[in-house]
Amino acid sequence: LTVPKTTLSVKERRLAVSLYAITTMLLFADQNILAPNLTAAGNEFGYTPNERDQKLGGDIAIAFFLVGAPASFVVGILADSDRIPRVALFAITILVGEGSCMATYWTTTYAQFYVTRALTGFSVG
């Protein structure tokens, strides 16, 4: 097994690593924001404490991982195949994840919030 030589210059490698780091930071930045704010979010949706814990503390997390786990499997297979270039695959994954992260800001219903968090799981997975 031989490792192909990279054709990127040091400057291009630094840029690529910087973009990857920034993208990863932005994608994971909101992951722990809900936990300390469950009461405020539950009040926003008009939930009782039990509904808040079930829907915001449980159902959202389950949706996040139920979408993210299969997505990581599919994206991994596509990354190893020649069907989609890796750069395009990475861009699609980031657009879905970051787009849904940004869309979370404008959600007004639990259903919208649920869908945006599940789509974020696609990209994080």
Protein backbone atom coordinates (compact mmCIF):
# COMPACT_ATOMS: atom_id res chain seq x y z
CA LEU A 1 0.00 0.00 0.00
CA THR A 2 1.54 3.29 -1.05
CA VAL A 3 0.51 6.73 0.05
CA PRO A 4 0.07 9.18 -2.83
CA LYS A 5 2.10 12.35 -2.64
CA THR A 6 0.12 15.51 -2.07
CA THR A 7 0.24 18.24 -4.65
CA LEU A 8 -0.78 20.94 -2.19
CA SER A 9 1.68 23.57 -1.13
CA VAL A 10 2.23 24.32 2.55
CA LYS A 11 0.07 27.45 2.20
CA GLU A 12 -2.76 25.47 0.56
CA ARG A 13 -2.58 22.79 3.25
CA ARG A 14 -2.79 25.42 5.99
CA LEU A 15 -5.79 26.99 4.29
CA ALA A 16 -7.52 23.61 3.95
CA VAL A 17 -6.89 22.71 7.59
CA SER A 18 -8.07 26.16 8.72
CA LEU A 19 -11.30 25.87 6.71
CA TYR A 20 -11.91 22.39 8.07
CA ALA A 21 -11.30 23.57 11.65
CA ILE A 22 -13.62 26.56 11.27
CA THR A 23 -16.34 24.41 9.69
CA THR A 24 -16.06 21.82 12.46
CA MET A 25 -16.15 24.50 15.14
CA LEU A 26 -19.28 26.09 13.69
CA LEU A 27 -20.99 22.74 13.20
CA PHE A 28 -20.40 21.60 16.78
CA ALA A 29 -20.84 25.04 18.40
CA ASP A 30 -24.55 24.64 19.08
CA GLN A 31 -24.52 21.02 20.25
CA ASN A 32 -24.49 21.80 23.98
CA ILE A 33 -26.49 24.99 23.84
CA LEU A 34 -29.88 23.35 24.46
CA ALA A 35 -29.01 21.37 27.61
CA PRO A 36 -28.58 24.31 30.02
CA ASN A 37 -31.56 26.08 28.44
CA LEU A 38 -34.17 23.30 28.53
CA THR A 39 -36.41 25.20 30.93
CA ALA A 40 -36.40 28.36 28.81
CA ALA A 41 -37.00 26.36 25.61
CA GLY A 42 -39.77 24.35 27.28
CA ASN A 43 -41.43 27.57 28.43
CA GLU A 44 -41.15 28.96 24.90
CA PHE A 45 -43.08 25.96 23.56
CA GLY A 46 -45.50 25.92 26.52
CA TYR A 47 -44.47 22.49 27.81
CA THR A 48 -44.89 21.02 31.26
CA PRO A 49 -41.65 19.86 32.90
CA ASN A 50 -42.32 16.25 31.84
CA GLU A 51 -43.11 17.23 28.23
CA ARG A 52 -40.00 19.42 28.18
CA ASP A 53 -37.77 16.58 29.34
CA GLN A 54 -39.27 14.06 26.92
CA LYS A 55 -39.46 16.22 23.81
CA LEU A 56 -36.45 18.50 24.20
CA GLY A 57 -34.22 16.30 26.31
CA GLY A 58 -35.01 12.97 24.65
CA ASP A 59 -36.80 13.09 21.31
CA ILE A 60 -34.55 15.77 19.82
CA ALA A 61 -31.40 13.84 20.78
CA ILE A 62 -32.81 10.61 19.37
CA ALA A 63 -33.70 12.28 16.07
CA PHE A 64 -30.22 13.81 15.91
CA PHE A 65 -28.54 10.41 16.20
CA LEU A 66 -31.11 8.40 14.21
CA VAL A 67 -30.39 10.65 11.23
CA GLY A 68 -26.68 11.10 11.92
CA ALA A 69 -25.69 7.46 12.30
CA PRO A 70 -27.03 6.22 8.93
CA ALA A 71 -25.85 9.42 7.26
CA SER A 72 -22.28 8.80 8.40
CA PHE A 73 -22.46 5.29 6.95
CA VAL A 74 -23.81 6.51 3.58
CA VAL A 75 -21.40 9.44 3.36
CA GLY A 76 -18.51 7.12 4.23
CA ILE A 77 -19.46 4.74 1.43
CA LEU A 78 -19.84 7.61 -1.04
CA ALA A 79 -16.49 9.08 0.02
CA ASP A 80 -14.79 5.78 -0.78
CA SER A 81 -16.50 5.44 -4.15
CA ASP A 82 -15.93 7.40 -7.32
CA ARG A 83 -19.57 8.45 -7.67
CA ILE A 84 -19.23 11.85 -6.02
CA PRO A 85 -16.00 13.82 -5.63
CA ARG A 86 -15.04 14.17 -1.97
CA VAL A 87 -14.98 17.96 -2.15
CA ALA A 88 -18.56 18.02 -3.45
CA LEU A 89 -19.66 15.47 -0.84
CA PHE A 90 -18.04 17.51 1.92
CA ALA A 91 -19.70 20.68 0.62
CA ILE A 92 -23.15 19.06 0.48
CA THR A 93 -22.75 17.67 4.00
CA ILE A 94 -21.67 21.04 5.37
CA LEU A 95 -24.45 22.91 3.55
CA VAL A 96 -27.08 20.58 5.00
CA GLY A 97 -25.63 20.80 8.51
CA GLU A 98 -24.83 24.50 8.62
CA GLY A 99 -28.04 25.40 6.80
CA SER A 100 -30.13 23.55 9.35
CA CYS A 101 -28.09 25.07 12.20
CA MET A 102 -28.86 28.53 10.86
CA ALA A 103 -32.49 27.64 10.19
CA THR A 104 -32.88 26.69 13.86
CA TYR A 105 -32.75 30.40 14.68
CA TRP A 106 -36.01 31.02 12.79
CA THR A 107 -37.99 28.03 14.07
CA THR A 108 -41.22 28.87 15.82
CA THR A 109 -42.74 25.41 16.33
CA TYR A 110 -41.50 22.20 17.87
CA ALA A 111 -41.87 20.38 14.53
CA GLN A 112 -39.59 22.88 12.82
CA PHE A 113 -37.09 22.64 15.66
CA TYR A 114 -37.19 18.84 15.50
CA VAL A 115 -36.49 18.78 11.75
CA THR A 116 -33.65 21.31 11.91
CA ARG A 117 -31.93 19.43 14.74
CA ALA A 118 -32.34 16.11 12.91
CA LEU A 119 -30.78 17.62 9.77
CA THR A 120 -27.90 18.94 11.84
CA GLY A 121 -27.38 15.34 12.92
CA PHE A 122 -26.93 14.42 9.26
CA SER A 123 -23.90 16.64 9.00
CA VAL A 124 -22.40 15.88 12.40
CA GLY A 125 -22.89 12.13 11.89
